[in-house]
Amino acid sequence: MQAMVLKHPGTPLTWTVLPQRQPAPGEIRVRISACGVCRTDLHVVDGELPAIPVPIIPGHEIVGRVDALGEGVSRFRLGERVGIPWLGYSCGACIYCANGRENLCNQPLFTGYTRDGGFATHTIADARFAMALGEEGEDTHLAPLLCAGLIGWRSLVAAGDGKALGLYGFGAAAHIVAQVARSQGRRVFAFTRPGDATSQTFARGLGAVWAGPSEEMPPEELDAAILFAPDGALVPRALRAVRKGGRVICGGIHMSDIPGFSYDLLWGERQLASVANLTRQDGLEFLAFIKHFPVKTRVNLYKLSDANRALDDLRAGRFEGAAVLVP
């Protein structure tokens, strides 16, 4: 198998030929057809997450077909199309797993971070954490749904049922969430980098009723806001934009320091919360929702060997929507 491997955090990935692995009991091997490039991959490659066990293969928005079954696996058949998301394993025994919150498991494994991921031609996954995708939709358009879509969905649920929704950082996750929110009858307000007229136009094209730079106030109070951009300075800005009783949800795994802000921004029963990882139930609910309310991902395709260029383009904001590697 071939893979783009992170050997040292903060350095480019290296094209590497590796022996083909066989799945252990309870595992499946997947021949990868598409793998999305997520901002979390940047946090891994740039060394912004703790205790990265290098060498590691990044990538956790994986679509492919099962080409080997480990002993005891009966959920899937050879050739079946599956998705492999960020959460790759949970212990099933800690207090969080026991209470339906496996996203907070004390001993988790994460695809592309603490177990090898999808920047490769093949990968091994715990069969219990793979998702059946069926045969509808193109592989490359499904890949971003495995994290940008799932984390976006969990963030949207956490934001509550308010109709006026702000999205800060209009990238892969926001362009999916905007479509879901619009299908629910919500009004979307998109906040982008200052001067990013292209992203603002993109957001309006997906139904946003307003799009502007992140330092501006929206034309009306928001019921909730979701922050996908990893900029802590956006937290007080979002709190200022939501009404009393409104919610601000931080949807990323990493964020720069949040600056101090006066208590009046939080007062009025405004709520500030984070979303961490995802659960298998999130996947079931989200995939069921988009069967009835399909979303269309905008994808920018790169060869597997061009993974470093895809990461650089994501870091610099050179495309709209999502990047996807195709082995």
Protein backbone atom coordinates (compact mmCIF):
# COMPACT_ATOMS: atom_id res chain seq x y z
CA MET A 1 0.00 0.00 0.00
CA GLN A 2 1.02 3.61 -0.46
CA ALA A 3 0.47 6.44 2.00
CA MET A 4 1.36 10.02 2.84
CA VAL A 5 2.94 9.72 6.28
CA LEU A 6 3.59 12.33 8.96
CA LYS A 7 7.00 11.48 10.39
CA HIS A 8 7.55 14.62 12.47
CA PRO A 9 4.92 17.24 13.44
CA GLY A 10 5.48 20.50 11.62
CA THR A 11 7.07 18.86 8.56
CA PRO A 12 5.55 17.89 5.19
CA LEU A 13 4.05 14.46 4.72
CA THR A 14 6.25 11.84 3.07
CA TRP A 15 5.18 9.48 0.26
CA THR A 16 5.80 6.00 1.66
CA VAL A 17 5.34 2.43 0.44
CA LEU A 18 4.20 0.18 3.31
CA PRO A 19 3.48 -3.54 3.65
CA GLN A 20 -0.18 -4.41 3.18
CA ARG A 21 -1.77 -5.10 6.57
CA GLN A 22 -4.32 -7.77 7.34
CA PRO A 23 -7.31 -6.94 9.55
CA ALA A 24 -7.29 -8.35 13.08
CA PRO A 25 -10.43 -9.90 14.62
CA GLY A 26 -13.22 -7.34 14.59
CA GLU A 27 -11.53 -5.18 11.96
CA ILE A 28 -12.02 -4.51 8.25
CA ARG A 29 -9.57 -3.44 5.59
CA VAL A 30 -10.83 -0.78 3.22
CA ARG A 31 -9.56 0.12 -0.22
CA ILE A 32 -9.89 3.89 -0.20
CA SER A 33 -11.54 5.73 -3.07
CA ALA A 34 -11.68 9.21 -1.48
CA CYS A 35 -10.51 10.93 1.69
CA GLY A 36 -11.46 14.46 2.66
CA VAL A 37 -8.88 16.91 4.00
CA CYS A 38 -10.10 18.47 7.24
CA ARG A 39 -8.84 21.36 9.32
CA THR A 40 -8.20 18.81 12.06
CA ASP A 41 -5.65 17.22 9.73
CA LEU A 42 -3.88 20.58 9.72
CA HIS A 43 -3.85 20.59 13.52
CA VAL A 44 -2.28 17.11 13.45
CA VAL A 45 0.30 17.88 10.76
CA ASP A 46 1.21 21.24 12.31
CA GLY A 47 1.66 19.66 15.75
CA GLU A 48 -1.13 21.67 17.39
CA LEU A 49 -2.71 18.62 19.04
CA PRO A 50 -1.02 16.86 21.98
CA ALA A 51 0.93 13.60 21.93
CA ILE A 52 0.85 12.86 18.20
CA PRO A 53 2.15 9.26 17.87
CA VAL A 54 4.36 9.62 14.81
CA PRO A 55 4.75 8.12 12.33
CA ILE A 56 1.03 8.43 11.57
CA ILE A 57 -1.12 8.52 8.44
CA PRO A 58 -3.57 11.45 8.70
CA GLY A 59 -7.08 11.56 7.27
CA HIS A 60 -10.47 10.77 8.78
CA GLU A 61 -13.08 11.48 6.11
CA ILE A 62 -12.69 8.13 4.40
CA VAL A 63 -14.87 6.50 1.75
CA GLY A 64 -13.96 3.14 0.28
CA ARG A 65 -14.91 -0.48 -0.14
CA VAL A 66 -14.26 -3.39 2.19
CA ASP A 67 -11.61 -5.66 0.67
CA ALA A 68 -10.77 -7.88 3.66
CA LEU A 69 -12.70 -8.99 6.74
CA GLY A 70 -11.21 -9.82 10.11
CA GLU A 71 -12.40 -12.80 12.09
CA GLY A 72 -15.87 -12.36 13.56
CA VAL A 73 -16.96 -9.46 11.35
CA SER A 74 -20.49 -9.99 10.04
CA ARG A 75 -21.72 -6.37 9.72
CA PHE A 76 -20.16 -5.87 6.30
CA ARG A 77 -19.54 -7.88 3.18
CA LEU A 78 -16.64 -7.73 0.76
CA GLY A 79 -17.08 -4.90 -1.73
CA GLU A 80 -19.53 -2.94 0.44
CA ARG A 81 -19.05 0.83 0.49
CA VAL A 82 -18.31 2.25 3.93
CA GLY A 83 -17.28 5.48 5.59
CA ILE A 84 -14.69 5.76 8.32
CA PRO A 85 -15.00 8.86 10.54
CA TRP A 86 -12.88 10.58 13.20
CA LEU A 87 -13.96 8.40 16.14
CA GLY A 88 -12.20 5.11 15.51
CA TYR A 89 -12.70 3.37 18.86
CA SER A 90 -14.19 3.94 22.31
CA CYS A 91 -13.71 1.74 25.35
CA GLY A 92 -17.40 1.08 26.00
CA ALA A 93 -16.79 0.90 29.75
CA CYS A 94 -16.04 4.38 31.10
CA ILE A 95 -18.74 6.63 32.58
CA TYR A 96 -19.10 8.53 29.30
CA CYS A 97 -19.52 5.46 27.12
CA ALA A 98 -21.97 3.98 29.63
CA ASN A 99 -24.13 7.10 29.34
CA GLY A 100 -24.25 7.41 25.56
CA ARG A 101 -21.44 9.97 25.36
CA GLU A 102 -18.74 7.90 23.69
CA ASN A 103 -17.45 11.10 22.07
CA LEU A 104 -15.99 11.91 25.52
CA CYS A 105 -14.52 8.42 26.10
CA ASN A 106 -11.51 8.34 28.41
CA GLN A 107 -9.58 5.91 26.20
CA PRO A 108 -10.55 6.71 22.60
CA LEU A 109 -8.73 6.22 19.34
CA PHE A 110 -9.10 8.78 16.58
CA THR A 111 -8.70 8.01 12.90
CA GLY A 112 -5.76 9.88 11.40
CA TYR A 113 -4.52 11.03 14.82
CA THR A 114 -4.00 8.09 17.18
CA ARG A 115 -4.60 5.35 14.61
CA ASP A 116 -3.67 5.40 10.94
CA GLY A 117 -6.11 7.15 8.66
CA GLY A 118 -7.04 7.72 5.06
CA PHE A 119 -4.23 9.56 3.29
CA ALA A 120 -3.43 6.18 1.76
CA THR A 121 -4.62 3.55 -0.68
CA HIS A 122 -5.86 1.27 2.13
CA THR A 123 -6.67 1.50 5.81
CA ILE A 124 -7.70 -0.74 8.69
CA ALA A 125 -10.75 0.15 10.81
CA ASP A 126 -12.65 -1.24 13.76
CA ALA A 127 -15.77 -2.59 12.05
CA ARG A 128 -18.01 -1.30 14.87
CA PHE A 129 -17.07 2.29 14.05
CA ALA A 130 -17.39 2.12 10.27
CA MET A 131 -20.58 3.41 8.65
CA ALA A 132 -22.55 1.75 5.86
CA LEU A 133 -22.99 4.33 3.08
CA GLY A 134 -25.12 2.49 0.55
CA GLU A 135 -24.72 3.16 -3.15
CA GLU A 136 -26.22 6.64 -3.60
CA GLY A 137 -23.89 9.56 -4.22
CA GLU A 138 -20.34 9.96 -5.48
CA ASP A 139 -17.47 8.87 -3.25
CA THR A 140 -15.70 12.22 -3.51
CA HIS A 141 -18.82 14.15 -2.51
CA LEU A 142 -19.57 11.83 0.40
CA ALA A 143 -16.10 12.07 1.96
CA PRO A 144 -16.49 15.55 3.56
CA LEU A 145 -19.69 14.39 5.23
CA LEU A 146 -17.67 12.00 7.41
CA CYS A 147 -16.33 14.87 9.58
CA ALA A 148 -17.27 18.31 8.27
CA GLY A 149 -20.82 17.02 7.98
CA LEU A 150 -20.92 15.05 11.21
CA ILE A 151 -19.29 17.69 13.42
CA GLY A 152 -21.44 20.29 11.72
CA TRP A 153 -24.54 18.24 12.50
CA ARG A 154 -23.57 17.79 16.15
CA SER A 155 -22.83 21.52 16.41
CA LEU A 156 -26.18 22.38 14.83
CA VAL A 157 -28.05 20.16 17.30
CA ALA A 158 -26.12 21.76 20.19
CA ALA A 159 -27.05 25.21 18.89
CA GLY A 160 -30.73 24.52 19.52
CA ASP A 161 -33.79 25.26 17.43
CA GLY A 162 -33.31 29.00 16.93
CA LYS A 163 -34.13 30.35 13.48
CA ALA A 164 -31.37 32.97 13.12
CA LEU A 165 -28.06 31.08 12.92
CA GLY A 166 -24.59 32.57 12.55
CA LEU A 167 -21.74 30.55 11.04
CA TYR A 168 -18.23 31.89 11.69
CA GLY A 169 -15.71 30.51 9.21
CA PHE A 170 -17.36 29.47 5.97
CA GLY A 171 -15.37 26.40 5.00
CA ALA A 172 -16.11 22.71 4.56
CA ALA A 173 -18.29 22.28 7.65
CA ALA A 174 -20.19 25.56 7.31
CA HIS A 175 -21.07 25.01 3.66
CA ILE A 176 -22.72 21.71 4.66
CA VAL A 177 -24.38 23.07 7.81
CA ALA A 178 -25.78 26.02 5.86
CA GLN A 179 -27.64 23.63 3.55
CA VAL A 180 -28.96 21.56 6.45
CA ALA A 181 -30.04 24.67 8.35
CA ARG A 182 -31.81 26.08 5.30
CA SER A 183 -33.70 22.81 4.85
CA GLN A 184 -34.88 23.21 8.45
CA GLY A 185 -36.25 26.65 7.71
CA ARG A 186 -33.50 28.61 9.46
CA ARG A 187 -31.94 31.88 8.34
CA VAL A 188 -28.18 31.61 7.90
CA PHE A 189 -25.77 34.49 8.52
CA ALA A 190 -22.25 33.77 7.23
CA PHE A 191 -19.12 35.36 8.72
CA THR A 192 -15.87 35.15 6.75
CA ARG A 193 -12.34 36.45 6.87
CA PRO A 194 -12.23 40.20 6.31
CA GLY A 195 -12.07 40.98 2.62
CA ASP A 196 -13.05 37.46 1.54
CA ALA A 197 -15.71 38.45 -0.98
CA THR A 198 -15.46 35.06 -2.71
CA SER A 199 -16.56 33.14 0.40
CA GLN A 200 -19.33 35.65 1.01
CA THR A 201 -20.64 35.13 -2.51
CA PHE A 202 -20.35 31.36 -2.02
CA ALA A 203 -22.39 31.59 1.20
CA ARG A 204 -25.12 33.66 -0.44
CA GLY A 205 -25.27 31.11 -3.24
CA LEU A 206 -26.07 28.46 -0.63
CA GLY A 207 -28.94 30.51 0.73
CA ALA A 208 -27.34 32.70 3.41
CA VAL A 209 -29.53 35.76 3.97
CA TRP A 210 -26.46 37.81 4.91
CA ALA A 211 -22.70 37.37 4.51
CA GLY A 212 -19.98 39.66 5.76
CA PRO A 213 -16.64 39.91 7.58
CA SER A 214 -16.34 38.40 11.04
CA GLU A 215 -15.73 41.71 12.78
CA GLU A 216 -19.10 43.08 11.67
CA MET A 217 -22.37 42.70 13.55
CA PRO A 218 -25.19 40.94 11.69
CA PRO A 219 -28.27 42.95 10.69
CA GLU A 220 -30.32 41.27 13.43
CA GLU A 221 -29.69 39.46 16.69
CA LEU A 222 -28.82 35.79 16.31
CA ASP A 223 -30.48 32.94 18.17
CA ALA A 224 -27.25 30.95 18.01
CA ALA A 225 -23.81 30.98 16.45
CA ILE A 226 -21.41 28.17 15.54
CA LEU A 227 -17.69 28.84 15.34
CA PHE A 228 -15.77 26.67 12.87
CA ALA A 229 -12.84 29.05 12.45
CA PRO A 230 -10.12 28.24 15.04
CA ASP A 231 -9.78 31.87 16.12
CA GLY A 232 -10.48 32.47 19.80
CA ALA A 233 -11.05 36.19 19.17
CA LEU A 234 -14.33 35.24 17.50
CA VAL A 235 -15.85 34.01 20.78
CA PRO A 236 -16.59 37.44 22.30
CA ARG A 237 -17.69 38.70 18.88
CA ALA A 238 -20.20 35.87 18.59
CA LEU A 239 -21.44 36.41 22.15
CA ARG A 240 -22.03 40.05 21.25
CA ALA A 241 -24.05 38.98 18.19
CA VAL A 242 -26.45 36.54 19.91
CA ARG A 243 -29.56 37.59 21.78
CA LYS A 244 -30.21 36.97 25.48
CA GLY A 245 -30.61 33.23 26.00
CA GLY A 246 -28.66 32.55 22.80
CA ARG A 247 -25.96 29.95 22.35
CA VAL A 248 -22.42 30.10 20.99
CA ILE A 249 -21.03 26.70 20.00
CA CYS A 250 -17.31 26.13 19.34
CA GLY A 251 -17.17 23.36 16.77
CA GLY A 252 -13.42 22.85 16.34
CA ILE A 253 -10.98 20.57 18.12
CA HIS A 254 -8.39 23.33 18.48
CA MET A 255 -8.67 27.10 18.87
CA SER A 256 -6.30 29.95 19.64
CA ASP A 257 -6.62 31.54 23.08
CA ILE A 258 -9.91 33.25 23.83
CA PRO A 259 -9.29 36.87 24.89
CA GLY A 260 -10.80 38.25 28.07
CA PHE A 261 -14.24 39.77 27.76
CA SER A 262 -16.64 41.58 30.05
CA TYR A 263 -19.27 39.58 31.90
CA ASP A 264 -22.11 41.50 30.24
CA LEU A 265 -21.44 39.56 27.01
CA LEU A 266 -22.27 36.31 28.82
CA TRP A 267 -24.94 37.69 31.11
CA GLY A 268 -28.56 37.37 30.03
CA GLU A 269 -28.30 33.58 30.14
CA ARG A 270 -26.22 33.38 27.01
CA GLN A 271 -24.48 30.00 26.76
CA LEU A 272 -20.97 29.18 25.56
CA ALA A 273 -20.14 25.53 24.86
CA SER A 274 -17.86 23.29 22.82
CA VAL A 275 -18.58 20.24 20.70
CA ALA A 276 -16.10 17.38 21.08
CA ASN A 277 -15.72 14.61 18.52
CA LEU A 278 -18.85 12.66 17.55
CA THR A 279 -20.80 9.52 18.32
CA ARG A 280 -21.98 6.69 16.12
CA GLN A 281 -25.51 7.87 16.84
CA ASP A 282 -24.63 11.23 15.31
CA GLY A 283 -23.67 9.37 12.17
CA LEU A 284 -26.91 7.42 12.02
CA GLU A 285 -29.01 10.54 12.55
CA PHE A 286 -27.11 12.66 10.04
CA LEU A 287 -27.07 10.03 7.30
CA ALA A 288 -30.78 9.46 7.82
CA PHE A 289 -31.46 13.21 7.59
CA ILE A 290 -29.60 13.76 4.31
CA LYS A 291 -31.48 10.89 2.67
CA HIS A 292 -34.58 13.09 2.86
CA PHE A 293 -32.83 16.47 2.58
CA PRO A 294 -29.75 15.91 0.38
CA VAL A 295 -26.78 18.26 0.60
CA LYS A 296 -24.36 18.96 -2.21
CA THR A 297 -20.74 19.27 -1.20
CA ARG A 298 -18.38 21.39 -3.27
CA VAL A 299 -15.16 19.44 -3.60
CA ASN A 300 -11.70 20.28 -4.86
CA LEU A 301 -9.90 17.12 -5.95
CA TYR A 302 -6.22 16.35 -5.41
CA LYS A 303 -4.13 13.28 -6.09
CA LEU A 304 -3.00 11.41 -2.97
CA SER A 305 0.60 12.39 -3.72
CA ASP A 306 -0.49 16.05 -3.64
CA ALA A 307 -1.69 15.89 -0.03
CA ASN A 308 0.82 18.52 1.07
CA ARG A 309 -0.48 20.94 -1.55
CA ALA A 310 -4.06 20.27 -0.43
CA LEU A 311 -3.08 21.04 3.17
CA ASP A 312 -1.30 24.23 2.12
CA ASP A 313 -4.31 25.34 0.09
CA LEU A 314 -6.62 24.67 3.03
CA ARG A 315 -4.33 26.57 5.38
CA ALA A 316 -4.30 29.57 3.03
CA GLY A 317 -8.02 29.44 2.20
CA ARG A 318 -7.43 29.02 -1.54
CA PHE A 319 -10.65 27.13 -2.30
CA GLU A 320 -14.32 27.07 -1.38
CA GLY A 321 -15.90 23.95 0.09
CA ALA A 322 -13.74 20.92 0.84
CA ALA A 323 -10.54 19.31 -0.42
CA VAL A 324 -10.63 15.60 -1.23
CA LEU A 325 -7.73 13.25 -1.97
CA VAL A 326 -8.24 10.56 -4.59
CA PRO A 327 -5.74 7.65 -4.51
